[in-house]
C-alpha atoms as a PDB file:
ATOM      1  CA  UNK A   1      21.173-159.326 -96.269  1.00  0.00           C
ATOM      2  CA  UNK A   2      23.032-157.088 -93.787  1.00  0.00           C
ATOM      3  CA  UNK A   3      24.045-154.783 -96.628  1.00  0.00           C
ATOM      4  CA  UNK A   4      20.409-154.458 -97.677  1.00  0.00           C
ATOM      5  CA  UNK A   5      19.334-153.664 -94.103  1.00  0.00           C
ATOM      6  CA  UNK A   6      22.125-151.079 -93.812  1.00  0.00           C
ATOM      7  CA  UNK A   7      21.021-149.414 -97.046  1.00  0.00           C
ATOM      8  CA  UNK A   8      17.431-149.384 -95.847  1.00  0.00           C
ATOM      9  CA  UNK A   9      18.424-147.756 -92.550  1.00  0.00           C
ATOM     10  CA  UNK A  10      20.537-145.114 -94.337  1.00  0.00           C
ATOM     11  CA  UNK A  11      17.673-144.404 -96.729  1.00  0.00           C
ATOM     12  CA  UNK A  12      15.227-144.115 -93.811  1.00  0.00           C
ATOM     13  CA  UNK A  13      17.510-141.661 -92.004  1.00  0.00           C
ATOM     14  CA  UNK A  14      17.961-139.550 -95.128  1.00  0.00           C
ATOM     15  CA  UNK A  15      14.185-139.432 -95.623  1.00  0.00           C
ATOM     16  CA  UNK A  16      13.739-138.319 -92.005  1.00  0.00           C
ATOM     17  CA  UNK A  17      16.378-135.612 -92.399  1.00  0.00           C
ATOM     18  CA  UNK A  18      14.721-134.349 -95.575  1.00  0.00           C
ATOM     19  CA  UNK A  19      11.288-134.423 -93.915  1.00  0.00           C
ATOM     20  CA  UNK A  20      12.619-132.490 -90.902  1.00  0.00           C
ATOM     21  CA  UNK A  21      14.265-129.959 -93.205  1.00  0.00           C
ATOM     22  CA  UNK A  22      10.967-129.595 -95.045  1.00  0.00           C
ATOM     23  CA  UNK A  23       9.083-129.033 -91.783  1.00  0.00           C
ATOM     24  CA  UNK A  24      11.674-126.475 -90.713  1.00  0.00           C
ATOM     25  CA  UNK A  25      11.276-124.732 -94.058  1.00  0.00           C
ATOM     26  CA  UNK A  26       7.518-124.660 -93.900  1.00  0.00           C
ATOM     27  CA  UNK A  27       6.542-122.918 -90.691  1.00  0.00           C
ATOM     28  CA  UNK A  28       2.878-122.057 -90.586  1.00  0.00           C
ATOM     29  CA  UNK A  29       3.436-118.520 -89.334  1.00  0.00           C
ATOM     30  CA  UNK A  30       5.571-117.619 -92.334  1.00  0.00           C
ATOM     31  CA  UNK A  31       3.148-119.193 -94.790  1.00  0.00           C
ATOM     32  CA  UNK A  32       0.220-117.014 -93.796  1.00  0.00           C
ATOM     33  CA  UNK A  33       1.835-114.350 -95.971  1.00  0.00           C
ATOM     34  CA  UNK A  34       0.999-114.773 -99.685  1.00  0.00           C
ATOM     35  CA  UNK A  35       4.469-113.739-100.863  1.00  0.00           C
ATOM     36  CA  UNK A  36       6.132-116.295 -98.547  1.00  0.00           C
ATOM     37  CA  UNK A  37       3.706-119.006 -99.693  1.00  0.00           C
ATOM     38  CA  UNK A  38       4.663-118.505-103.323  1.00  0.00           C
ATOM     39  CA  UNK A  39       8.353-118.309-102.449  1.00  0.00           C
ATOM     40  CA  UNK A  40       8.170-121.690-100.681  1.00  0.00           C
ATOM     41  CA  UNK A  41       6.123-123.197-103.529  1.00  0.00           C
ATOM     42  CA  UNK A  42       8.854-122.126-105.979  1.00  0.00           C
ATOM     43  CA  UNK A  43      11.621-123.536-103.762  1.00  0.00           C
ATOM     44  CA  UNK A  44       9.854-126.878-103.371  1.00  0.00           C
ATOM     45  CA  UNK A  45       8.717-127.166-106.966  1.00  0.00           C
ATOM     46  CA  UNK A  46      11.926-126.035-108.656  1.00  0.00           C
ATOM     47  CA  UNK A  47      14.865-126.447-106.223  1.00  0.00           C
ATOM     48  CA  UNK A  48      17.366-126.213-109.113  1.00  0.00           C
ATOM     49  CA  UNK A  49      15.644-123.368-110.957  1.00  0.00           C
ATOM     50  CA  UNK A  50      12.445-123.079-112.964  1.00  0.00           C
ATOM     51  CA  UNK A  51      11.969-125.714-115.676  1.00  0.00           C
ATOM     52  CA  UNK A  52       9.410-125.574-118.493  1.00  0.00           C
ATOM     53  CA  UNK A  53       6.438-127.813-117.791  1.00  0.00           C
ATOM     54  CA  UNK A  54       5.989-128.550-121.493  1.00  0.00           C
ATOM     55  CA  UNK A  55       9.469-129.271-122.899  1.00  0.00           C
ATOM     56  CA  UNK A  56      11.529-129.515-119.661  1.00  0.00           C
ATOM     57  CA  UNK A  57      13.795-126.777-121.010  1.00  0.00           C
ATOM     58  CA  UNK A  58      15.755-124.540-118.658  1.00  0.00           C
ATOM     59  CA  UNK A  59      15.487-121.452-120.862  1.00  0.00           C
ATOM     60  CA  UNK A  60      12.656-119.966-118.828  1.00  0.00           C
ATOM     61  CA  UNK A  61      12.230-116.246-118.156  1.00  0.00           C
ATOM     62  CA  UNK A  62       9.873-114.357-115.873  1.00  0.00           C
ATOM     63  CA  UNK A  63       6.892-112.992-117.731  1.00  0.00           C
ATOM     64  CA  UNK A  64       4.971-110.705-115.384  1.00  0.00           C
ATOM     65  CA  UNK A  65       2.577-111.560-112.579  1.00  0.00           C
ATOM     66  CA  UNK A  66      -0.991-112.790-112.315  1.00  0.00           C
ATOM     67  CA  UNK A  67      -3.588-109.997-112.521  1.00  0.00           C
ATOM     68  CA  UNK A  68      -5.414-111.002-109.330  1.00  0.00           C
ATOM     69  CA  UNK A  69      -2.557-112.539-107.323  1.00  0.00           C
ATOM     70  CA  UNK A  70       0.439-110.230-107.603  1.00  0.00           C
ATOM     71  CA  UNK A  71       2.843-112.696-105.953  1.00  0.00           C
ATOM     72  CA  UNK A  72       2.007-115.429-108.481  1.00  0.00           C
ATOM     73  CA  UNK A  73       4.870-115.302-110.989  1.00  0.00           C
ATOM     74  CA  UNK A  74       4.282-116.000-114.684  1.00  0.00           C
ATOM     75  CA  UNK A  75       6.945-117.626-116.865  1.00  0.00           C
ATOM     76  CA  UNK A  76       7.698-117.996-120.572  1.00  0.00           C
ATOM     77  CA  UNK A  77       9.818-120.795-122.027  1.00  0.00           C
ATOM     78  CA  UNK A  78      12.180-119.357-124.639  1.00  0.00           C
ATOM     79  CA  UNK A  79      12.489-122.777-126.314  1.00  0.00           C
ATOM     80  CA  UNK A  80       8.851-123.764-126.916  1.00  0.00           C
ATOM     81  CA  UNK A  81       7.071-120.466-126.028  1.00  0.00           C
ATOM     82  CA  UNK A  82       4.926-122.228-123.402  1.00  0.00           C
ATOM     83  CA  UNK A  83       3.444-119.887-120.779  1.00  0.00           C
ATOM     84  CA  UNK A  84       2.849-121.051-117.215  1.00  0.00           C
ATOM     85  CA  UNK A  85       2.870-119.815-113.637  1.00  0.00           C
ATOM     86  CA  UNK A  86       3.762-120.979-110.133  1.00  0.00           C
ATOM     87  CA  UNK A  87       0.601-123.090-109.776  1.00  0.00           C
ATOM     88  CA  UNK A  88       0.143-124.473-113.303  1.00  0.00           C
ATOM     89  CA  UNK A  89      -0.280-128.246-113.163  1.00  0.00           C
ATOM     90  CA  UNK A  90      -0.773-128.373-109.384  1.00  0.00           C
ATOM     91  CA  UNK A  91      -3.851-129.142-107.321  1.00  0.00           C
ATOM     92  CA  UNK A  92      -3.987-125.474-106.337  1.00  0.00           C
ATOM     93  CA  UNK A  93      -4.372-124.263-109.931  1.00  0.00           C
ATOM     94  CA  UNK A  94      -7.838-122.944-110.738  1.00  0.00           C
ATOM     95  CA  UNK A  95      -8.938-122.369-107.144  1.00  0.00           C
ATOM     96  CA  UNK A  96     -10.190-118.941-106.223  1.00  0.00           C
ATOM     97  CA  UNK A  97      -8.994-118.899-102.613  1.00  0.00           C
ATOM     98  CA  UNK A  98      -5.620-117.404-101.685  1.00  0.00           C
ATOM     99  CA  UNK A  99      -2.765-119.903-101.400  1.00  0.00           C
ATOM    100  CA  UNK A 100      -2.317-118.985 -97.724  1.00  0.00           C
ATOM    101  CA  UNK A 101      -5.887-120.175 -97.066  1.00  0.00           C
ATOM    102  CA  UNK A 102      -5.110-123.586 -98.568  1.00  0.00           C
ATOM    103  CA  UNK A 103      -1.911-123.807 -96.544  1.00  0.00           C
ATOM    104  CA  UNK A 104      -3.903-123.088 -93.390  1.00  0.00           C
ATOM    105  CA  UNK A 105      -6.510-125.724 -94.319  1.00  0.00           C
ATOM    106  CA  UNK A 106      -3.773-128.289 -94.970  1.00  0.00           C
ATOM    107  CA  UNK A 107      -2.098-127.437 -91.666  1.00  0.00           C
ATOM    108  CA  UNK A 108      -5.398-127.830 -89.805  1.00  0.00           C
ATOM    109  CA  UNK A 109      -6.178-131.119 -91.532  1.00  0.00           C
ATOM    110  CA  UNK A 110      -2.761-132.535 -90.583  1.00  0.00           C
ATOM    111  CA  UNK A 111      -2.909-131.140 -87.046  1.00  0.00           C
ATOM    112  CA  UNK A 112      -6.441-132.358 -86.390  1.00  0.00           C
ATOM    113  CA  UNK A 113      -6.980-135.532 -88.466  1.00  0.00           C
ATOM    114  CA  UNK A 114     -10.425-136.070 -86.973  1.00  0.00           C
ATOM    115  CA  UNK A 115     -11.684-132.854 -88.556  1.00  0.00           C
ATOM    116  CA  UNK A 116     -13.405-133.409 -91.859  1.00  0.00           C
ATOM    117  CA  UNK A 117     -12.784-131.286 -94.925  1.00  0.00           C
ATOM    118  CA  UNK A 118     -16.332-129.969 -94.599  1.00  0.00           C
ATOM    119  CA  UNK A 119     -15.770-128.917 -90.961  1.00  0.00           C
ATOM    120  CA  UNK A 120     -12.559-127.112 -91.884  1.00  0.00           C
ATOM    121  CA  UNK A 121     -14.195-125.428 -94.861  1.00  0.00           C
ATOM    122  CA  UNK A 122     -17.064-124.169 -92.682  1.00  0.00           C
ATOM    123  CA  UNK A 123     -14.598-122.941 -90.075  1.00  0.00           C
ATOM    124  CA  UNK A 124     -12.543-121.072 -92.690  1.00  0.00           C
ATOM    125  CA  UNK A 125     -15.564-119.853 -94.670  1.00  0.00           C
ATOM    126  CA  UNK A 126     -14.726-121.886 -97.767  1.00  0.00           C
ATOM    127  CA  UNK A 127     -17.270-123.410-100.108  1.00  0.00           C
ATOM    128  CA  UNK A 128     -16.614-127.079-100.833  1.00  0.00           C
ATOM    129  CA  UNK A 129     -18.282-128.792-103.775  1.00  0.00           C
ATOM    130  CA  UNK A 130     -19.083-132.390-102.878  1.00  0.00           C
END
């Protein structure tokens, strides 16, 4: 039983250290820049290098940038020829607002939990479909 409690405490401390490191990594002031937002998204999503979302292969090469968002990197898997970008398969894919806007909205929602999504969207000039 004591061993189990010790493991639980060690796990809890490691989670706290990782969470603190994550908070240190993601400072709101640096994420208001689109390029920094995408850089952090890449670091969090692929800490060991980009991996194909389709076949999990590591033979991925850069394949240009998005036409509208120049900091959004495109990729091509050399193994299965699957094309994807930094946001493919995430909740941010398909939205027409800049990533920095969503980061700001998330920051506000965590900082002020009593604010509703609708209140934040009105404040930031976003249109929310309910």
